[in-house]
Amino acid sequence: MLFEEPQPILKPAINTMIFIIKLKRWVKNLFIKKESISLERYNLDRRRIKSVDITGDEKKLYISGSKYAMNAVPRREFLDFLDPVKHKVEELIMDTVVKMVAKELPESLYSKPIKEISRVFDELIEAETEAQMRTKWKKIKKFICAFLEEDVAYRYRFQWFIEHLDVSKVKLSDADKYYFRPKRFKVDS
């Protein structure tokens, strides 16, 4: 036989190498600016797309029948790549939360910045309309708050990051809210 089946012990290493190669290609392609944009790449019905306008750092997707232009141009292949990554991260967070419960600090003992992060998470959880999403966000809240409360080096970096945000550039516009409403979230609350 010219090629033998890899030994079972080598399969995880081979899979890891393949993943790293694909990840490198993906990162490289992410930063290469493309001159023309193919509409087939987007997760939308082509017949509804009026136009795609990318000028400087502004991206607008004009869709017929929509009140506003979308302030983003989601790429299907990126979303397809991201989906399993999101599930792995969620699994990791959920497993960590289960292990942390016994060691968890009560919220009343959180530092002032973490209490504020916890409060905003509570608002986000309340705005979710689906019980499953509420449960997911509660676990993510526990993980993030515990992590930032216990690891002060990361907390200080996070605080620095938040301090330097220009909130006016992050705030949801009317167009963002228009596209956010169908995501089963009380965006106007």
N, C-alpha and C. Protein backbone atom coordinates (compact mmCIF):
# COMPACT_ATOMS: atom_id res chain seq x y z
N MET A 1 0.84 -1.17 0.00
CA MET A 1 0.00 0.00 0.00
C MET A 1 0.89 1.24 0.00
N LEU A 2 0.59 2.16 -0.93
CA LEU A 2 1.41 3.35 -1.07
C LEU A 2 1.25 4.29 0.12
N PHE A 3 0.01 4.55 0.52
CA PHE A 3 -0.25 5.41 1.67
C PHE A 3 -0.96 4.61 2.75
N GLU A 4 -0.39 4.60 3.91
CA GLU A 4 -1.01 3.89 5.02
C GLU A 4 -1.90 4.84 5.80
N GLU A 5 -2.90 4.27 6.44
CA GLU A 5 -3.79 5.04 7.31
C GLU A 5 -2.96 5.57 8.47
N PRO A 6 -3.07 6.89 8.82
CA PRO A 6 -2.29 7.43 9.93
C PRO A 6 -2.63 6.71 11.23
N GLN A 7 -1.64 6.57 12.07
CA GLN A 7 -1.85 5.95 13.36
C GLN A 7 -2.88 6.78 14.15
N PRO A 8 -3.72 6.14 14.97
CA PRO A 8 -4.75 6.87 15.71
C PRO A 8 -4.17 8.00 16.56
N ILE A 9 -2.97 7.82 17.06
CA ILE A 9 -2.36 8.86 17.90
C ILE A 9 -1.98 10.08 17.09
N LEU A 10 -1.75 9.92 15.78
CA LEU A 10 -1.35 11.03 14.92
C LEU A 10 -2.54 11.81 14.38
N LYS A 11 -3.73 11.23 14.37
CA LYS A 11 -4.90 11.89 13.79
C LYS A 11 -5.18 13.26 14.43
N PRO A 12 -5.18 13.40 15.76
CA PRO A 12 -5.43 14.73 16.33
C PRO A 12 -4.36 15.75 15.91
N ALA A 13 -3.11 15.32 15.82
CA ALA A 13 -2.04 16.22 15.41
C ALA A 13 -2.22 16.65 13.96
N ILE A 14 -2.59 15.72 13.11
CA ILE A 14 -2.82 16.03 11.69
C ILE A 14 -4.00 16.99 11.57
N ASN A 15 -5.08 16.71 12.30
CA ASN A 15 -6.25 17.59 12.26
C ASN A 15 -5.90 18.99 12.76
N THR A 16 -5.07 19.07 13.78
CA THR A 16 -4.65 20.36 14.31
C THR A 16 -3.83 21.11 13.27
N MET A 17 -2.92 20.42 12.59
CA MET A 17 -2.11 21.06 11.56
C MET A 17 -2.99 21.57 10.42
N ILE A 18 -3.96 20.78 10.00
CA ILE A 18 -4.87 21.18 8.93
C ILE A 18 -5.65 22.41 9.36
N PHE A 19 -6.14 22.41 10.62
CA PHE A 19 -6.88 23.55 11.15
C PHE A 19 -6.02 24.80 11.15
N ILE A 20 -4.76 24.69 11.57
CA ILE A 20 -3.86 25.85 11.63
C ILE A 20 -3.61 26.39 10.23
N ILE A 21 -3.41 25.52 9.25
CA ILE A 21 -3.19 25.95 7.87
C ILE A 21 -4.42 26.69 7.35
N LYS A 22 -5.62 26.14 7.60
CA LYS A 22 -6.84 26.80 7.14
C LYS A 22 -7.05 28.13 7.86
N LEU A 23 -6.72 28.17 9.15
CA LEU A 23 -6.86 29.40 9.92
C LEU A 23 -5.93 30.48 9.37
N LYS A 24 -4.68 30.10 9.04
CA LYS A 24 -3.72 31.06 8.47
C LYS A 24 -4.24 31.61 7.15
N ARG A 25 -4.77 30.74 6.29
CA ARG A 25 -5.32 31.18 5.00
C ARG A 25 -6.48 32.14 5.22
N TRP A 26 -7.36 31.78 6.16
CA TRP A 26 -8.52 32.60 6.45
C TRP A 26 -8.10 33.99 6.94
N VAL A 27 -7.14 34.05 7.87
CA VAL A 27 -6.66 35.33 8.40
C VAL A 27 -6.02 36.16 7.29
N LYS A 28 -5.22 35.50 6.45
CA LYS A 28 -4.57 36.20 5.33
C LYS A 28 -5.62 36.80 4.40
N ASN A 29 -6.65 36.01 4.05
CA ASN A 29 -7.69 36.48 3.15
C ASN A 29 -8.55 37.58 3.79
N LEU A 30 -8.64 37.57 5.09
CA LEU A 30 -9.43 38.56 5.81
C LEU A 30 -8.88 39.96 5.60
N PHE A 31 -7.55 40.08 5.50
CA PHE A 31 -6.92 41.39 5.40
C PHE A 31 -6.59 41.81 3.98
N ILE A 32 -6.87 40.96 3.01
CA ILE A 32 -6.64 41.31 1.61
C ILE A 32 -7.88 42.05 1.12
N LYS A 33 -7.69 43.29 0.63
CA LYS A 33 -8.82 44.07 0.13
C LYS A 33 -9.17 43.60 -1.27
N LYS A 34 -10.42 43.32 -1.47
CA LYS A 34 -10.88 42.89 -2.77
C LYS A 34 -11.48 44.08 -3.50
N GLU A 35 -11.16 44.24 -4.77
CA GLU A 35 -11.64 45.38 -5.54
C GLU A 35 -13.12 45.23 -5.88
N SER A 36 -13.51 44.07 -6.37
CA SER A 36 -14.91 43.86 -6.73
C SER A 36 -15.55 42.91 -5.72
N ILE A 37 -16.82 43.10 -5.53
CA ILE A 37 -17.53 42.30 -4.55
C ILE A 37 -18.55 41.44 -5.27
N SER A 38 -18.49 40.15 -5.04
CA SER A 38 -19.43 39.23 -5.63
C SER A 38 -20.62 39.07 -4.69
N LEU A 39 -21.81 39.33 -5.17
CA LEU A 39 -23.00 39.28 -4.32
C LEU A 39 -23.37 37.85 -3.92
N GLU A 40 -22.83 36.86 -4.61
CA GLU A 40 -23.12 35.47 -4.24
C GLU A 40 -22.58 35.14 -2.85
N ARG A 41 -21.63 35.93 -2.38
CA ARG A 41 -20.97 35.63 -1.11
C ARG A 41 -21.85 35.98 0.09
N TYR A 42 -22.94 36.69 -0.13
CA TYR A 42 -23.74 37.17 0.98
C TYR A 42 -24.96 36.29 1.21
N ASN A 43 -25.36 36.21 2.45
CA ASN A 43 -26.46 35.35 2.86
C ASN A 43 -27.79 36.08 2.67
N LEU A 44 -28.04 36.55 1.51
CA LEU A 44 -29.28 37.25 1.22
C LEU A 44 -29.78 36.82 -0.14
N ASP A 45 -31.05 36.98 -0.34
CA ASP A 45 -31.66 36.69 -1.62
C ASP A 45 -31.16 37.75 -2.61
N ARG A 46 -30.43 37.31 -3.64
CA ARG A 46 -29.83 38.24 -4.62
C ARG A 46 -30.86 39.17 -5.23
N ARG A 47 -32.08 38.70 -5.41
CA ARG A 47 -33.11 39.52 -6.05
C ARG A 47 -33.48 40.72 -5.20
N ARG A 48 -33.25 40.64 -3.88
CA ARG A 48 -33.62 41.74 -2.99
C ARG A 48 -32.49 42.76 -2.82
N ILE A 49 -31.27 42.42 -3.22
CA ILE A 49 -30.14 43.33 -3.04
C ILE A 49 -30.17 44.38 -4.14
N LYS A 50 -30.24 45.64 -3.73
CA LYS A 50 -30.19 46.73 -4.70
C LYS A 50 -28.74 47.02 -5.05
N SER A 51 -27.91 47.24 -4.00
CA SER A 51 -26.50 47.53 -4.25
C SER A 51 -25.69 47.37 -2.98
N VAL A 52 -24.38 47.23 -3.17
CA VAL A 52 -23.44 47.18 -2.07
C VAL A 52 -22.50 48.36 -2.28
N ASP A 53 -22.34 49.16 -1.24
CA ASP A 53 -21.50 50.35 -1.33
C ASP A 53 -20.45 50.29 -0.23
N ILE A 54 -19.19 50.17 -0.63
CA ILE A 54 -18.09 50.18 0.34
C ILE A 54 -17.18 51.34 -0.02
N THR A 55 -17.22 52.37 0.83
CA THR A 55 -16.37 53.54 0.62
C THR A 55 -15.62 53.80 1.92
N GLY A 56 -14.31 53.77 1.85
CA GLY A 56 -13.49 53.97 3.04
C GLY A 56 -13.80 52.91 4.09
N ASP A 57 -14.19 53.33 5.29
CA ASP A 57 -14.50 52.36 6.33
C ASP A 57 -16.01 52.18 6.49
N GLU A 58 -16.80 52.71 5.57
CA GLU A 58 -18.25 52.57 5.59
C GLU A 58 -18.68 51.43 4.68
N LYS A 59 -19.56 50.57 5.19
CA LYS A 59 -20.12 49.49 4.39
C LYS A 59 -21.63 49.61 4.47
N LYS A 60 -22.29 49.64 3.33
CA LYS A 60 -23.75 49.73 3.28
C LYS A 60 -24.26 48.67 2.31
N LEU A 61 -25.30 47.98 2.74
CA LEU A 61 -25.96 46.99 1.89
C LEU A 61 -27.39 47.47 1.71
N TYR A 62 -27.75 47.82 0.49
CA TYR A 62 -29.09 48.32 0.18
C TYR A 62 -29.96 47.16 -0.27
N ILE A 63 -31.09 46.96 0.42
CA ILE A 63 -31.98 45.83 0.17
C ILE A 63 -33.35 46.39 -0.19
N SER A 64 -33.92 45.91 -1.30
CA SER A 64 -35.23 46.41 -1.70
C SER A 64 -36.28 46.01 -0.66
N GLY A 65 -37.20 46.93 -0.40
CA GLY A 65 -38.26 46.68 0.58
C GLY A 65 -37.85 46.99 2.00
N SER A 66 -36.59 47.37 2.22
CA SER A 66 -36.11 47.69 3.57
C SER A 66 -36.07 49.20 3.75
N LYS A 67 -36.40 49.64 4.97
CA LYS A 67 -36.46 51.06 5.28
C LYS A 67 -35.07 51.70 5.28
N TYR A 68 -34.07 50.95 5.75
CA TYR A 68 -32.71 51.47 5.89
C TYR A 68 -31.72 50.58 5.15
N ALA A 69 -30.54 51.14 4.87
CA ALA A 69 -29.42 50.32 4.38
C ALA A 69 -28.81 49.62 5.58
N MET A 70 -28.36 48.39 5.41
CA MET A 70 -27.69 47.66 6.49
C MET A 70 -26.27 48.19 6.62
N ASN A 71 -25.86 48.47 7.86
CA ASN A 71 -24.51 49.01 8.11
C ASN A 71 -23.47 47.91 8.20
N ALA A 72 -23.61 46.91 7.40
CA ALA A 72 -22.67 45.78 7.37
C ALA A 72 -22.91 45.01 6.08
N VAL A 73 -21.94 44.22 5.73
CA VAL A 73 -22.07 43.34 4.57
C VAL A 73 -21.62 41.95 5.02
N PRO A 74 -22.54 41.17 5.64
CA PRO A 74 -22.15 39.86 6.16
C PRO A 74 -21.77 38.89 5.03
N ARG A 75 -20.67 38.19 5.23
CA ARG A 75 -20.20 37.23 4.23
C ARG A 75 -20.55 35.82 4.67
N ARG A 76 -21.21 35.09 3.81
CA ARG A 76 -21.68 33.74 4.13
C ARG A 76 -20.53 32.81 4.51
N GLU A 77 -19.41 32.83 3.75
CA GLU A 77 -18.32 31.90 4.06
C GLU A 77 -17.69 32.19 5.41
N PHE A 78 -17.68 33.46 5.81
CA PHE A 78 -17.15 33.81 7.13
C PHE A 78 -18.09 33.31 8.21
N LEU A 79 -19.39 33.50 8.02
CA LEU A 79 -20.37 33.04 9.00
C LEU A 79 -20.34 31.51 9.11
N ASP A 80 -20.18 30.83 7.99
CA ASP A 80 -20.08 29.37 8.01
C ASP A 80 -18.85 28.91 8.78
N PHE A 81 -17.74 29.64 8.62
CA PHE A 81 -16.52 29.32 9.36
C PHE A 81 -16.69 29.61 10.84
N LEU A 82 -17.35 30.71 11.14
CA LEU A 82 -17.50 31.18 12.52
C LEU A 82 -18.45 30.32 13.35
N ASP A 83 -19.44 29.73 12.72
CA ASP A 83 -20.47 28.99 13.46
C ASP A 83 -19.89 27.88 14.35
N PRO A 84 -19.06 26.96 13.84
CA PRO A 84 -18.51 25.94 14.74
C PRO A 84 -17.58 26.52 15.81
N VAL A 85 -16.90 27.62 15.48
CA VAL A 85 -16.02 28.27 16.46
C VAL A 85 -16.87 28.81 17.62
N LYS A 86 -18.00 29.45 17.29
CA LYS A 86 -18.90 29.97 18.32
C LYS A 86 -19.40 28.84 19.22
N HIS A 87 -19.74 27.71 18.63
CA HIS A 87 -20.24 26.58 19.43
C HIS A 87 -19.15 26.04 20.36
N LYS A 88 -17.91 25.98 19.88
CA LYS A 88 -16.80 25.50 20.73
C LYS A 88 -16.57 26.46 21.90
N VAL A 89 -16.60 27.77 21.62
CA VAL A 89 -16.41 28.76 22.68
C VAL A 89 -17.55 28.67 23.69
N GLU A 90 -18.78 28.52 23.21
CA GLU A 90 -19.93 28.37 24.11
C GLU A 90 -19.77 27.13 24.99
N GLU A 91 -19.35 26.01 24.38
CA GLU A 91 -19.13 24.78 25.15
C GLU A 91 -18.08 25.01 26.24
N LEU A 92 -16.98 25.66 25.87
CA LEU A 92 -15.91 25.94 26.83
C LEU A 92 -16.43 26.80 27.98
N ILE A 93 -17.18 27.84 27.65
CA ILE A 93 -17.73 28.72 28.69
C ILE A 93 -18.69 27.94 29.58
N MET A 94 -19.57 27.14 28.98
CA MET A 94 -20.55 26.40 29.77
C MET A 94 -19.85 25.39 30.70
N ASP A 95 -18.85 24.69 30.17
CA ASP A 95 -18.10 23.74 31.01
C ASP A 95 -17.39 24.45 32.15
N THR A 96 -16.83 25.62 31.87
CA THR A 96 -16.11 26.39 32.89
C THR A 96 -17.08 26.89 33.95
N VAL A 97 -18.26 27.35 33.53
CA VAL A 97 -19.26 27.84 34.49
C VAL A 97 -19.66 26.73 35.44
N VAL A 98 -19.86 25.53 34.92
CA VAL A 98 -20.24 24.40 35.77
C VAL A 98 -19.16 24.14 36.82
N LYS A 99 -17.88 24.23 36.44
CA LYS A 99 -16.78 23.99 37.37
C LYS A 99 -16.61 25.15 38.36
N MET A 100 -17.00 26.37 37.94
CA MET A 100 -16.80 27.56 38.76
C MET A 100 -17.85 27.73 39.86
N VAL A 101 -19.02 27.13 39.68
CA VAL A 101 -20.15 27.38 40.58
C VAL A 101 -19.77 27.23 42.05
N ALA A 102 -19.01 26.21 42.39
CA ALA A 102 -18.63 25.98 43.78
C ALA A 102 -17.71 27.08 44.31
N LYS A 103 -16.94 27.69 43.42
CA LYS A 103 -15.95 28.69 43.84
C LYS A 103 -16.43 30.12 43.60
N GLU A 104 -17.66 30.26 43.17
CA GLU A 104 -18.17 31.56 42.74
C GLU A 104 -18.33 32.55 43.89
N LEU A 105 -17.97 33.78 43.62
CA LEU A 105 -18.09 34.88 44.56
C LEU A 105 -19.50 35.48 44.42
N PRO A 106 -20.20 35.76 45.51
CA PRO A 106 -21.52 36.38 45.37
C PRO A 106 -21.42 37.75 44.70
N GLU A 107 -22.42 38.11 43.91
CA GLU A 107 -22.40 39.38 43.18
C GLU A 107 -22.27 40.58 44.11
N SER A 108 -22.79 40.47 45.31
CA SER A 108 -22.71 41.59 46.26
C SER A 108 -21.26 41.93 46.63
N LEU A 109 -20.34 40.98 46.43
CA LEU A 109 -18.93 41.20 46.76
C LEU A 109 -18.09 41.61 45.54
N TYR A 110 -18.73 41.75 44.39
CA TYR A 110 -18.00 42.18 43.19
C TYR A 110 -17.49 43.61 43.38
N SER A 111 -16.40 43.92 42.69
CA SER A 111 -15.88 45.29 42.69
C SER A 111 -16.83 46.18 41.87
N LYS A 112 -16.69 47.47 42.00
CA LYS A 112 -17.58 48.43 41.36
C LYS A 112 -17.67 48.25 39.83
N PRO A 113 -16.54 48.10 39.12
CA PRO A 113 -16.64 47.92 37.66
C PRO A 113 -17.37 46.63 37.27
N ILE A 114 -17.15 45.57 38.03
CA ILE A 114 -17.79 44.29 37.70
C ILE A 114 -19.28 44.34 38.03
N LYS A 115 -19.66 45.07 39.08
CA LYS A 115 -21.08 45.25 39.38
C LYS A 115 -21.78 45.95 38.21
N GLU A 116 -21.10 46.92 37.60
CA GLU A 116 -21.69 47.63 36.46
C GLU A 116 -21.81 46.71 35.25
N ILE A 117 -20.79 45.90 35.00
CA ILE A 117 -20.85 44.92 33.90
C ILE A 117 -22.00 43.94 34.15
N SER A 118 -22.14 43.50 35.39
CA SER A 118 -23.21 42.59 35.77
C SER A 118 -24.58 43.23 35.54
N ARG A 119 -24.71 44.52 35.90
CA ARG A 119 -25.98 45.24 35.71
C ARG A 119 -26.36 45.31 34.23
N VAL A 120 -25.38 45.60 33.37
CA VAL A 120 -25.66 45.70 31.93
C VAL A 120 -26.02 44.32 31.37
N PHE A 121 -25.35 43.27 31.85
CA PHE A 121 -25.71 41.92 31.44
C PHE A 121 -27.16 41.62 31.85
N ASP A 122 -27.57 42.06 33.05
CA ASP A 122 -28.95 41.83 33.49
C ASP A 122 -29.94 42.50 32.55
N GLU A 123 -29.62 43.71 32.07
CA GLU A 123 -30.49 44.39 31.10
C GLU A 123 -30.55 43.61 29.79
N LEU A 124 -29.40 43.11 29.33
CA LEU A 124 -29.36 42.32 28.10
C LEU A 124 -30.20 41.06 28.25
N ILE A 125 -30.07 40.39 29.38
CA ILE A 125 -30.82 39.15 29.64
C ILE A 125 -32.31 39.44 29.66
N GLU A 126 -32.70 40.54 30.27
CA GLU A 126 -34.11 40.92 30.34
C GLU A 126 -34.68 41.23 28.96
N ALA A 127 -33.86 41.78 28.06
CA ALA A 127 -34.31 42.15 26.72
C ALA A 127 -34.45 40.95 25.79
N GLU A 128 -33.84 39.81 26.14
CA GLU A 128 -33.99 38.60 25.32
C GLU A 128 -35.41 38.07 25.44
N THR A 129 -35.97 37.62 24.33
CA THR A 129 -37.34 37.11 24.37
C THR A 129 -37.40 35.59 24.47
N GLU A 130 -36.31 34.91 24.18
CA GLU A 130 -36.29 33.45 24.23
C GLU A 130 -35.60 32.97 25.51
N ALA A 131 -36.23 32.00 26.18
CA ALA A 131 -35.69 31.46 27.43
C ALA A 131 -34.30 30.86 27.23
N GLN A 132 -34.10 30.17 26.10
CA GLN A 132 -32.81 29.54 25.82
C GLN A 132 -31.69 30.58 25.73
N MET A 133 -31.98 31.72 25.09
CA MET A 133 -30.97 32.77 24.98
C MET A 133 -30.72 33.43 26.33
N ARG A 134 -31.77 33.57 27.14
CA ARG A 134 -31.59 34.12 28.48
C ARG A 134 -30.65 33.24 29.30
N THR A 135 -30.88 31.94 29.24
CA THR A 135 -30.04 30.99 29.97
C THR A 135 -28.59 31.09 29.50
N LYS A 136 -28.40 31.14 28.20
CA LYS A 136 -27.04 31.25 27.64
C LYS A 136 -26.35 32.51 28.14
N TRP A 137 -27.06 33.66 28.09
CA TRP A 137 -26.45 34.92 28.52
C TRP A 137 -26.18 34.95 30.02
N LYS A 138 -27.01 34.27 30.81
CA LYS A 138 -26.75 34.20 32.25
C LYS A 138 -25.43 33.48 32.52
N LYS A 139 -25.19 32.40 31.77
CA LYS A 139 -23.94 31.65 31.95
C LYS A 139 -22.74 32.47 31.46
N ILE A 140 -22.91 33.17 30.35
CA ILE A 140 -21.83 34.01 29.83
C ILE A 140 -21.53 35.13 30.82
N LYS A 141 -22.58 35.71 31.40
CA LYS A 141 -22.42 36.75 32.42
C LYS A 141 -21.61 36.23 33.60
N LYS A 142 -21.98 35.05 34.11
CA LYS A 142 -21.25 34.46 35.24
C LYS A 142 -19.77 34.30 34.91
N PHE A 143 -19.51 33.77 33.72
CA PHE A 143 -18.14 33.52 33.30
C PHE A 143 -17.35 34.82 33.22
N ILE A 144 -17.88 35.80 32.49
CA ILE A 144 -17.15 37.05 32.28
C ILE A 144 -16.96 37.80 33.58
N CYS A 145 -18.01 37.89 34.40
CA CYS A 145 -17.90 38.62 35.67
C CYS A 145 -16.90 37.94 36.61
N ALA A 146 -16.97 36.63 36.72
CA ALA A 146 -16.04 35.90 37.60
C ALA A 146 -14.61 36.04 37.08
N PHE A 147 -14.44 35.91 35.77
CA PHE A 147 -13.11 36.02 35.17
C PHE A 147 -12.51 37.39 35.43
N LEU A 148 -13.28 38.45 35.16
CA LEU A 148 -12.75 39.81 35.33
C LEU A 148 -12.60 40.18 36.80
N GLU A 149 -13.43 39.61 37.67
CA GLU A 149 -13.31 39.90 39.10
C GLU A 149 -12.05 39.26 39.69
N GLU A 150 -11.76 38.05 39.27
CA GLU A 150 -10.65 37.30 39.86
C GLU A 150 -9.30 37.61 39.21
N ASP A 151 -9.29 37.88 37.91
CA ASP A 151 -8.04 38.16 37.21
C ASP A 151 -7.93 39.66 36.97
N VAL A 152 -7.38 40.37 37.94
CA VAL A 152 -7.37 41.84 37.88
C VAL A 152 -6.53 42.38 36.72
N ALA A 153 -5.53 41.66 36.27
CA ALA A 153 -4.74 42.14 35.14
C ALA A 153 -5.62 42.29 33.91
N TYR A 154 -6.47 41.30 33.67
CA TYR A 154 -7.41 41.40 32.54
C TYR A 154 -8.47 42.46 32.82
N ARG A 155 -8.93 42.57 34.07
CA ARG A 155 -9.95 43.57 34.40
C ARG A 155 -9.42 44.97 34.11
N TYR A 156 -8.19 45.26 34.52
CA TYR A 156 -7.64 46.59 34.27
C TYR A 156 -7.52 46.86 32.77
N ARG A 157 -7.09 45.88 32.02
CA ARG A 157 -7.01 46.05 30.57
C ARG A 157 -8.39 46.28 29.97
N PHE A 158 -9.39 45.54 30.44
CA PHE A 158 -10.76 45.68 29.95
C PHE A 158 -11.29 47.08 30.30
N GLN A 159 -11.04 47.53 31.53
CA GLN A 159 -11.47 48.87 31.93
C GLN A 159 -10.81 49.94 31.05
N TRP A 160 -9.52 49.76 30.77
CA TRP A 160 -8.81 50.69 29.90
C TRP A 160 -9.46 50.72 28.52
N PHE A 161 -9.77 49.54 28.01
CA PHE A 161 -10.41 49.41 26.69
C PHE A 161 -11.75 50.15 26.67
N ILE A 162 -12.58 49.90 27.66
CA ILE A 162 -13.91 50.53 27.74
C ILE A 162 -13.76 52.04 27.87
N GLU A 163 -12.82 52.47 28.67
CA GLU A 163 -12.58 53.90 28.90
C GLU A 163 -12.23 54.62 27.59
N HIS A 164 -11.57 53.93 26.68
CA HIS A 164 -11.14 54.54 25.42
C HIS A 164 -12.14 54.39 24.28
N LEU A 165 -13.27 53.73 24.54
CA LEU A 165 -14.30 53.60 23.51
C LEU A 165 -14.98 54.93 23.26
N ASP A 166 -15.26 55.23 22.01
CA ASP A 166 -16.09 56.38 21.66
C ASP A 166 -17.50 55.83 21.54
N VAL A 167 -18.30 55.99 22.59
CA VAL A 167 -19.63 55.39 22.67
C VAL A 167 -20.52 55.84 21.52
N SER A 168 -20.34 57.04 21.03
CA SER A 168 -21.17 57.53 19.93
C SER A 168 -20.97 56.70 18.66
N LYS A 169 -19.80 56.07 18.51
CA LYS A 169 -19.54 55.24 17.33
C LYS A 169 -20.04 53.81 17.50
N VAL A 170 -20.32 53.41 18.74
CA VAL A 170 -20.76 52.04 19.02
C VAL A 170 -22.27 51.96 19.18
N LYS A 171 -22.89 53.08 19.51
CA LYS A 171 -24.33 53.13 19.78
C LYS A 171 -25.12 52.64 18.57
N LEU A 172 -26.21 51.89 18.82
CA LEU A 172 -27.06 51.40 17.75
C LEU A 172 -27.75 52.55 17.04
N SER A 173 -27.63 52.56 15.73
CA SER A 173 -28.33 53.58 14.93
C SER A 173 -29.76 53.08 14.67
N ASP A 174 -30.60 53.93 14.08
CA ASP A 174 -31.95 53.50 13.72
C ASP A 174 -31.91 52.33 12.74
N ALA A 175 -30.94 52.36 11.81
CA ALA A 175 -30.79 51.27 10.84
C ALA A 175 -30.38 49.98 11.55
N ASP A 176 -29.46 50.06 12.52
CA ASP A 176 -29.06 48.87 13.28
C ASP A 176 -30.26 48.27 14.01
N LYS A 177 -31.05 49.14 14.65
CA LYS A 177 -32.24 48.67 15.38
C LYS A 177 -33.25 48.02 14.44
N TYR A 178 -33.39 48.58 13.24
CA TYR A 178 -34.31 48.04 12.24
C TYR A 178 -33.97 46.58 11.91
N TYR A 179 -32.66 46.29 11.75
CA TYR A 179 -32.24 44.93 11.42
C TYR A 179 -32.11 44.05 12.66
N PHE A 180 -32.04 44.65 13.84
CA PHE A 180 -31.89 43.91 15.09
C PHE A 180 -33.24 43.38 15.59
N ARG A 181 -34.32 44.09 15.32
CA ARG A 181 -35.65 43.71 15.83
C ARG A 181 -36.05 42.29 15.48
N PRO A 182 -35.82 41.81 14.26
CA PRO A 182 -36.23 40.43 13.93
C PRO A 182 -35.41 39.34 14.65
N LYS A 183 -34.38 39.71 15.42
CA LYS A 183 -33.51 38.74 16.10
C LYS A 183 -34.06 38.32 17.46
N ARG A 184 -35.36 38.50 17.69
CA ARG A 184 -36.03 38.10 18.94
C ARG A 184 -35.39 38.77 20.16
N PHE A 185 -35.24 40.08 20.06
CA PHE A 185 -34.61 40.86 21.12
C PHE A 185 -35.37 42.16 21.26
N LYS A 186 -35.70 42.56 22.48
CA LYS A 186 -36.44 43.80 22.72
C LYS A 186 -35.45 44.97 22.62
N VAL A 187 -35.15 45.36 21.40
CA VAL A 187 -34.11 46.35 21.14
C VAL A 187 -34.53 47.75 21.62
N ASP A 188 -35.82 48.01 21.68
CA ASP A 188 -36.30 49.34 22.05
C ASP A 188 -36.50 49.51 23.55
N SER A 189 -36.18 48.49 24.34
CA SER A 189 -36.40 48.60 25.79
C SER A 189 -35.25 49.29 26.48
